[in-house]
Amino acid sequence: MDATDNWQLAQLQGEDLVFTTTDGLARALTDGFFYVQQPTGLDLAAGDRFAQSFYRPLEGGAGDPYRGYQQWTSDQLGPHQGYFSRDADQTEQFFLESANWKRAYPTALVEQAHGMRDLALRIERAVLTHLDIPRELWTEATGHSLTPEGTHTLTFNHFRPEIAARGLNIHKDSGWVTVLRSTEPGLEVDRGDGDWVPINPIPGTFIVNFGCAMEILTRETKTPVAAVAHRVVQQPSEQHAAKPDRFSYALFVDSSLDKSVCPGLFTYKPNSGLHLEKSVDGFLDQILDNTYRRDTAGLY
């Protein structure tokens, strides 16, 4: 069965998401995942090159701007940012929030990061237009994620098949919208019946999914949006010699981490408005800690 038989496909036209099926939006909000066409003119070469190089050491001290990022740590960049090598997973990762993009990323990658962020925010706004949350509440309800005060992170994953471990643990994303660039199979989604279903890349598209913040906000509305558990399966060791290692990268949209701007995550109740549920930083810490430990899953 072709991937498009299982998952919905959309294109951004103006400020709206236009799906290839009449019930595409409804199914995408329930599935928690869908494909979106890559915008014309968004060059992905810099991101692809960085994803295949960031973990490699600099060669002979040469200034290759796409290598040598193991030296960047959270001590330099801030909490949850920098290079991480996971003991329980095959992944090694690099996280960077938008405030640090110009400081660390090559210029071409900074441009691509802004393009992916713009796409993610347009998707978030397009979805909000179809929900019963008043427009005047969007900024507060979404933790200022739609503004420059939101937390916008470009994250890279390199999967090391020589390590005998899971690919990436079961988890839900913490925030609002994730726009994922992937070129190889391996991502699987739990559709609630105990079966893990693949969502394989389609050339010319990104994979989009919703996070816990969106699910919490909308769960008592007429149109709840699902944040769905997903994982990456273990990459076989024989792959290492046969073809390049698997990589992926994603733009994550989260709420502001400034408590004076965003007090926390809200649930919207149509009859009584926004209700504060939990702090953003504590929730983010919980999700991340449970995702990367050996004996837990990043769920809530």
Protein backbone atom coordinates (compact mmCIF):
# COMPACT_ATOMS: atom_id res chain seq x y z
CA MET A 1 0.00 0.00 0.00
CA ASP A 2 1.35 3.41 -0.96
CA ALA A 3 2.13 5.87 1.86
CA THR A 4 -0.50 8.27 0.59
CA ASP A 5 -3.16 5.60 1.17
CA ASN A 6 -2.45 5.86 4.88
CA TRP A 7 -1.61 9.53 5.38
CA GLN A 8 -2.99 12.81 4.10
CA LEU A 9 -1.17 15.15 1.71
CA ALA A 10 -1.57 18.94 1.73
CA GLN A 11 -0.20 22.06 0.11
CA LEU A 12 -0.12 25.56 1.56
CA GLN A 13 -2.02 27.91 -0.73
CA GLY A 14 -1.91 31.41 0.68
CA GLU A 15 -2.69 30.97 4.34
CA ASP A 16 -4.71 27.78 4.01
CA LEU A 17 -3.86 24.09 3.93
CA VAL A 18 -5.41 22.47 0.88
CA PHE A 19 -5.60 18.67 1.05
CA THR A 20 -5.91 16.24 -1.84
CA THR A 21 -9.00 14.63 -0.27
CA THR A 22 -12.19 16.32 0.89
CA ASP A 23 -11.83 15.02 4.45
CA GLY A 24 -8.04 15.47 4.49
CA LEU A 25 -7.86 18.08 7.24
CA ALA A 26 -10.17 16.17 9.59
CA ARG A 27 -8.20 12.98 9.05
CA ALA A 28 -4.86 14.76 9.52
CA LEU A 29 -5.95 16.29 12.82
CA THR A 30 -7.04 12.85 14.04
CA ASP A 31 -3.98 11.05 12.68
CA GLY A 32 -1.63 13.65 14.15
CA PHE A 33 0.63 13.29 11.07
CA PHE A 34 0.42 14.33 7.42
CA TYR A 35 2.58 15.34 4.46
CA VAL A 36 2.94 18.88 3.17
CA GLN A 37 4.49 19.90 -0.14
CA GLN A 38 7.84 21.65 0.19
CA PRO A 39 7.53 25.32 -0.77
CA THR A 40 8.96 26.28 -4.14
CA GLY A 41 12.35 27.90 -3.69
CA LEU A 42 13.17 26.41 -0.28
CA ASP A 43 16.64 24.93 -0.79
CA LEU A 44 17.38 21.98 1.52
CA ALA A 45 21.00 21.44 0.49
CA ALA A 46 22.48 23.16 3.55
CA GLY A 47 20.35 21.17 5.99
CA ASP A 48 21.11 17.89 4.28
CA ARG A 49 24.84 18.64 4.31
CA PHE A 50 24.79 19.68 7.98
CA ALA A 51 22.85 16.56 8.97
CA GLN A 52 25.51 14.38 7.37
CA SER A 53 28.45 16.34 8.78
CA PHE A 54 27.76 18.01 12.15
CA TYR A 55 29.03 15.05 14.18
CA ARG A 56 32.29 14.70 12.23
CA PRO A 57 35.51 16.25 13.61
CA LEU A 58 37.19 19.08 11.78
CA GLU A 59 39.83 17.74 9.40
CA GLY A 60 43.30 19.07 10.10
CA GLY A 61 41.94 22.21 11.67
CA ALA A 62 40.25 23.26 8.42
CA GLY A 63 37.32 25.59 8.83
CA ASP A 64 34.52 23.48 7.33
CA PRO A 65 31.43 25.25 8.74
CA TYR A 66 29.36 22.04 8.58
CA ARG A 67 31.62 19.92 10.81
CA GLY A 68 32.95 19.96 14.36
CA TYR A 69 29.73 20.60 16.28
CA GLN A 70 30.44 18.08 19.03
CA GLN A 71 32.18 20.92 20.83
CA TRP A 72 28.97 22.96 21.16
CA THR A 73 27.28 22.18 24.49
CA SER A 74 24.37 23.39 26.60
CA ASP A 75 26.87 25.22 28.81
CA GLN A 76 27.60 27.50 25.85
CA LEU A 77 24.17 27.65 24.26
CA GLY A 78 21.57 27.19 27.00
CA PRO A 79 19.34 24.37 28.32
CA HIS A 80 18.46 21.57 25.88
CA GLN A 81 20.76 22.97 23.19
CA GLY A 82 23.98 21.75 21.62
CA TYR A 83 25.37 18.32 20.80
CA PHE A 84 24.08 15.18 22.52
CA SER A 85 25.19 11.57 22.14
CA ARG A 86 22.48 9.20 23.38
CA ASP A 87 23.52 5.99 25.15
CA ALA A 88 20.12 4.31 24.84
CA ASP A 89 19.49 5.30 21.21
CA GLN A 90 21.36 5.19 17.93
CA THR A 91 20.93 8.92 17.58
CA GLU A 92 23.41 11.66 18.13
CA GLN A 93 21.74 15.05 17.91
CA PHE A 94 22.25 18.77 17.64
CA PHE A 95 19.63 21.18 19.01
CA LEU A 96 19.68 24.93 18.41
CA GLU A 97 17.07 27.61 19.14
CA SER A 98 16.55 30.50 16.75
CA ALA A 99 18.31 33.03 18.99
CA ASN A 100 21.57 31.12 18.35
CA TRP A 101 21.16 30.28 14.65
CA LYS A 102 23.35 33.10 13.35
CA ARG A 103 25.93 32.41 16.05
CA ALA A 104 26.49 28.74 15.18
CA TYR A 105 24.97 27.73 11.83
CA PRO A 106 26.48 28.42 8.39
CA THR A 107 24.76 31.29 6.57
CA ALA A 108 22.97 29.04 4.06
CA LEU A 109 21.58 26.93 6.90
CA VAL A 110 20.35 30.03 8.75
CA GLU A 111 18.37 30.96 5.64
CA GLN A 112 16.92 27.46 5.41
CA ALA A 113 16.05 27.46 9.12
CA HIS A 114 14.07 30.67 8.70
CA GLY A 115 12.27 29.18 5.71
CA MET A 116 11.32 26.05 7.65
CA ARG A 117 10.18 28.15 10.62
CA ASP A 118 8.01 30.30 8.37
CA LEU A 119 6.44 27.16 6.92
CA ALA A 120 5.77 25.68 10.37
CA LEU A 121 4.14 28.89 11.63
CA ARG A 122 1.98 29.14 8.50
CA ILE A 123 0.83 25.55 9.10
CA GLU A 124 0.04 26.33 12.74
CA ARG A 125 -2.01 29.40 11.77
CA ALA A 126 -3.79 27.48 9.02
CA VAL A 127 -4.84 24.78 11.49
CA LEU A 128 -5.99 27.33 14.06
CA THR A 129 -8.37 28.88 11.52
CA HIS A 130 -10.30 25.60 11.48
CA LEU A 131 -10.63 25.32 15.27
CA ASP A 132 -13.16 26.99 17.54
CA ILE A 133 -10.57 29.06 19.42
CA PRO A 134 -11.18 32.82 19.01
CA ARG A 135 -8.49 34.50 16.95
CA GLU A 136 -7.95 37.15 19.63
CA LEU A 137 -6.79 34.37 22.00
CA TRP A 138 -4.29 32.74 19.62
CA THR A 139 -1.18 34.49 20.92
CA GLU A 140 -1.88 33.72 24.57
CA ALA A 141 -3.35 30.28 23.91
CA THR A 142 -0.31 29.14 21.94
CA GLY A 143 2.26 30.48 24.39
CA HIS A 144 3.41 33.21 21.96
CA SER A 145 4.69 30.43 19.69
CA LEU A 146 3.44 32.36 16.65
CA THR A 147 5.64 35.34 17.53
CA PRO A 148 9.43 35.86 17.74
CA GLU A 149 9.09 35.20 21.49
CA GLY A 150 8.24 31.54 20.81
CA THR A 151 10.82 28.77 21.04
CA HIS A 152 11.78 27.66 17.54
CA THR A 153 14.38 24.90 17.40
CA LEU A 154 16.09 23.28 14.43
CA THR A 155 17.23 19.80 15.47
CA PHE A 156 19.43 17.30 13.60
CA ASN A 157 19.58 13.52 14.04
CA HIS A 158 22.32 11.16 12.87
CA PHE A 159 21.55 7.46 13.32
CA ARG A 160 24.59 5.26 14.01
CA PRO A 161 23.82 1.71 12.79
CA GLU A 162 27.02 0.37 14.38
CA ILE A 163 25.43 0.93 17.81
CA ALA A 164 23.13 -1.88 18.98
CA ALA A 165 20.26 0.19 20.36
CA ARG A 166 16.80 1.45 19.45
CA GLY A 167 16.75 4.08 16.71
CA LEU A 168 14.86 6.72 18.71
CA ASN A 169 12.60 6.01 21.67
CA ILE A 170 8.81 6.23 21.75
CA HIS A 171 7.72 9.82 22.41
CA LYS A 172 5.37 12.65 21.62
CA ASP A 173 6.71 16.06 20.62
CA SER A 174 6.20 18.63 23.35
CA GLY A 175 5.06 21.65 21.39
CA TRP A 176 2.73 22.81 18.62
CA VAL A 177 3.92 21.83 15.14
CA THR A 178 6.92 19.84 13.90
CA VAL A 179 8.13 19.99 10.29
CA LEU A 180 10.39 17.01 9.55
CA ARG A 181 12.85 16.43 6.72
CA SER A 182 13.51 12.71 6.26
CA THR A 183 14.76 10.79 3.23
CA GLU A 184 14.76 7.18 4.49
CA PRO A 185 12.14 4.86 6.04
CA GLY A 186 12.25 4.13 9.76
CA LEU A 187 9.71 6.50 11.34
CA GLU A 188 6.70 4.68 12.80
CA VAL A 189 3.49 5.96 14.39
CA ASP A 190 1.20 4.37 16.98
CA ARG A 191 -2.32 4.81 15.68
CA GLY A 192 -3.86 3.63 18.94
CA ASP A 193 -4.56 -0.01 18.17
CA GLY A 194 -1.18 -1.32 19.29
CA ASP A 195 0.18 -1.53 15.76
CA TRP A 196 3.08 0.63 14.62
CA VAL A 197 2.47 2.09 11.17
CA PRO A 198 5.27 3.50 9.00
CA ILE A 199 5.12 6.99 7.59
CA ASN A 200 7.77 6.88 4.90
CA PRO A 201 9.19 9.94 3.15
CA ILE A 202 7.66 11.14 -0.11
CA PRO A 203 10.07 13.14 -2.27
CA GLY A 204 9.20 16.82 -2.40
CA THR A 205 7.34 16.81 0.92
CA PHE A 206 7.91 17.34 4.62
CA ILE A 207 6.30 15.17 7.29
CA VAL A 208 4.26 17.29 9.70
CA ASN A 209 3.02 16.30 13.14
CA PHE A 210 1.39 17.97 16.12
CA GLY A 211 2.75 18.13 19.67
CA CYS A 212 1.35 17.84 23.17
CA ALA A 213 0.74 21.58 23.56
CA MET A 214 -1.69 21.51 20.63
CA GLU A 215 -3.39 18.40 21.99
CA ILE A 216 -3.77 19.90 25.48
CA LEU A 217 -5.15 23.18 24.12
CA THR A 218 -7.78 21.56 21.88
CA ARG A 219 -8.81 18.41 23.74
CA GLU A 220 -12.16 19.90 24.95
CA THR A 221 -12.99 21.71 21.72
CA LYS A 222 -15.21 20.61 18.85
CA THR A 223 -12.11 19.73 16.83
CA PRO A 224 -9.43 18.13 19.03
CA VAL A 225 -5.98 17.75 17.51
CA ALA A 226 -3.98 14.59 18.24
CA ALA A 227 -0.38 14.40 19.38
CA VAL A 228 0.55 10.83 18.54
CA ALA A 229 3.34 8.64 19.88
CA HIS A 230 6.07 7.82 17.37
CA ARG A 231 9.51 6.25 17.20
CA VAL A 232 12.36 5.43 14.82
CA VAL A 233 13.18 1.74 14.49
CA GLN A 234 16.70 0.41 14.97
CA GLN A 235 18.88 0.85 11.90
CA PRO A 236 20.53 -2.46 10.92
CA SER A 237 24.28 -2.71 11.31
CA GLU A 238 24.74 -4.14 7.81
CA GLN A 239 23.49 -0.80 6.46
CA HIS A 240 26.65 0.89 7.63
CA ALA A 241 28.79 -0.49 4.82
CA ALA A 242 26.07 -0.60 2.16
CA LYS A 243 24.81 2.99 2.11
CA PRO A 244 25.06 6.29 4.00
CA ASP A 245 23.71 6.46 7.55
CA ARG A 246 20.13 7.57 8.10
CA PHE A 247 19.65 11.23 9.00
CA SER A 248 16.73 13.55 9.65
CA TYR A 249 16.11 17.04 10.90
CA ALA A 250 13.12 19.00 12.10
CA LEU A 251 11.87 22.47 12.96
CA PHE A 252 10.04 22.38 16.30
CA VAL A 253 7.60 25.13 17.33
CA ASP A 254 7.22 25.44 21.11
CA SER A 255 5.85 28.03 23.50
CA SER A 256 8.00 30.80 24.94
CA LEU A 257 10.09 29.62 27.89
CA ASP A 258 9.92 33.10 29.44
CA LYS A 259 7.41 32.77 32.31
CA SER A 260 6.70 36.50 32.22
CA VAL A 261 5.50 36.02 28.63
CA CYS A 262 3.98 32.54 28.83
CA PRO A 263 2.76 31.23 32.21
CA GLY A 264 2.24 27.74 30.84
CA LEU A 265 0.13 25.40 28.72
CA PHE A 266 -3.60 26.06 28.45
CA THR A 267 -6.73 24.05 27.71
CA TYR A 268 -9.45 25.96 25.89
CA LYS A 269 -13.00 25.29 27.06
CA PRO A 270 -15.60 26.85 24.73
CA ASN A 271 -17.86 27.91 27.59
CA SER A 272 -15.20 29.38 29.88
CA GLY A 273 -12.07 30.20 27.87
CA LEU A 274 -8.45 29.37 28.65
CA HIS A 275 -7.49 27.30 31.68
CA LEU A 276 -3.86 27.03 32.78
CA GLU A 277 -2.78 23.38 33.00
CA LYS A 278 0.99 23.21 33.65
CA SER A 279 4.27 25.06 33.26
CA VAL A 280 6.06 24.84 29.92
CA ASP A 281 9.59 24.31 31.25
CA GLY A 282 8.60 21.57 33.69
CA PHE A 283 6.58 19.79 31.03
CA LEU A 284 9.42 20.05 28.50
CA ASP A 285 11.93 18.70 31.03
CA GLN A 286 9.63 15.76 31.77
CA ILE A 287 9.07 14.85 28.11
CA LEU A 288 12.76 15.08 27.21
CA ASP A 289 13.95 13.17 30.27
CA ASN A 290 11.49 10.34 29.65
CA THR A 291 12.30 10.24 25.93
CA TYR A 292 16.03 9.69 26.34
CA ARG A 293 16.10 7.34 29.32
CA ARG A 294 16.42 3.64 28.66
CA ASP A 295 13.41 2.50 30.70
CA THR A 296 10.76 5.17 29.97
CA ALA A 297 8.86 6.71 27.05
CA GLY A 298 8.38 10.41 26.35
CA LEU A 299 4.64 10.50 26.91
CA TYR A 300 2.38 12.34 29.37
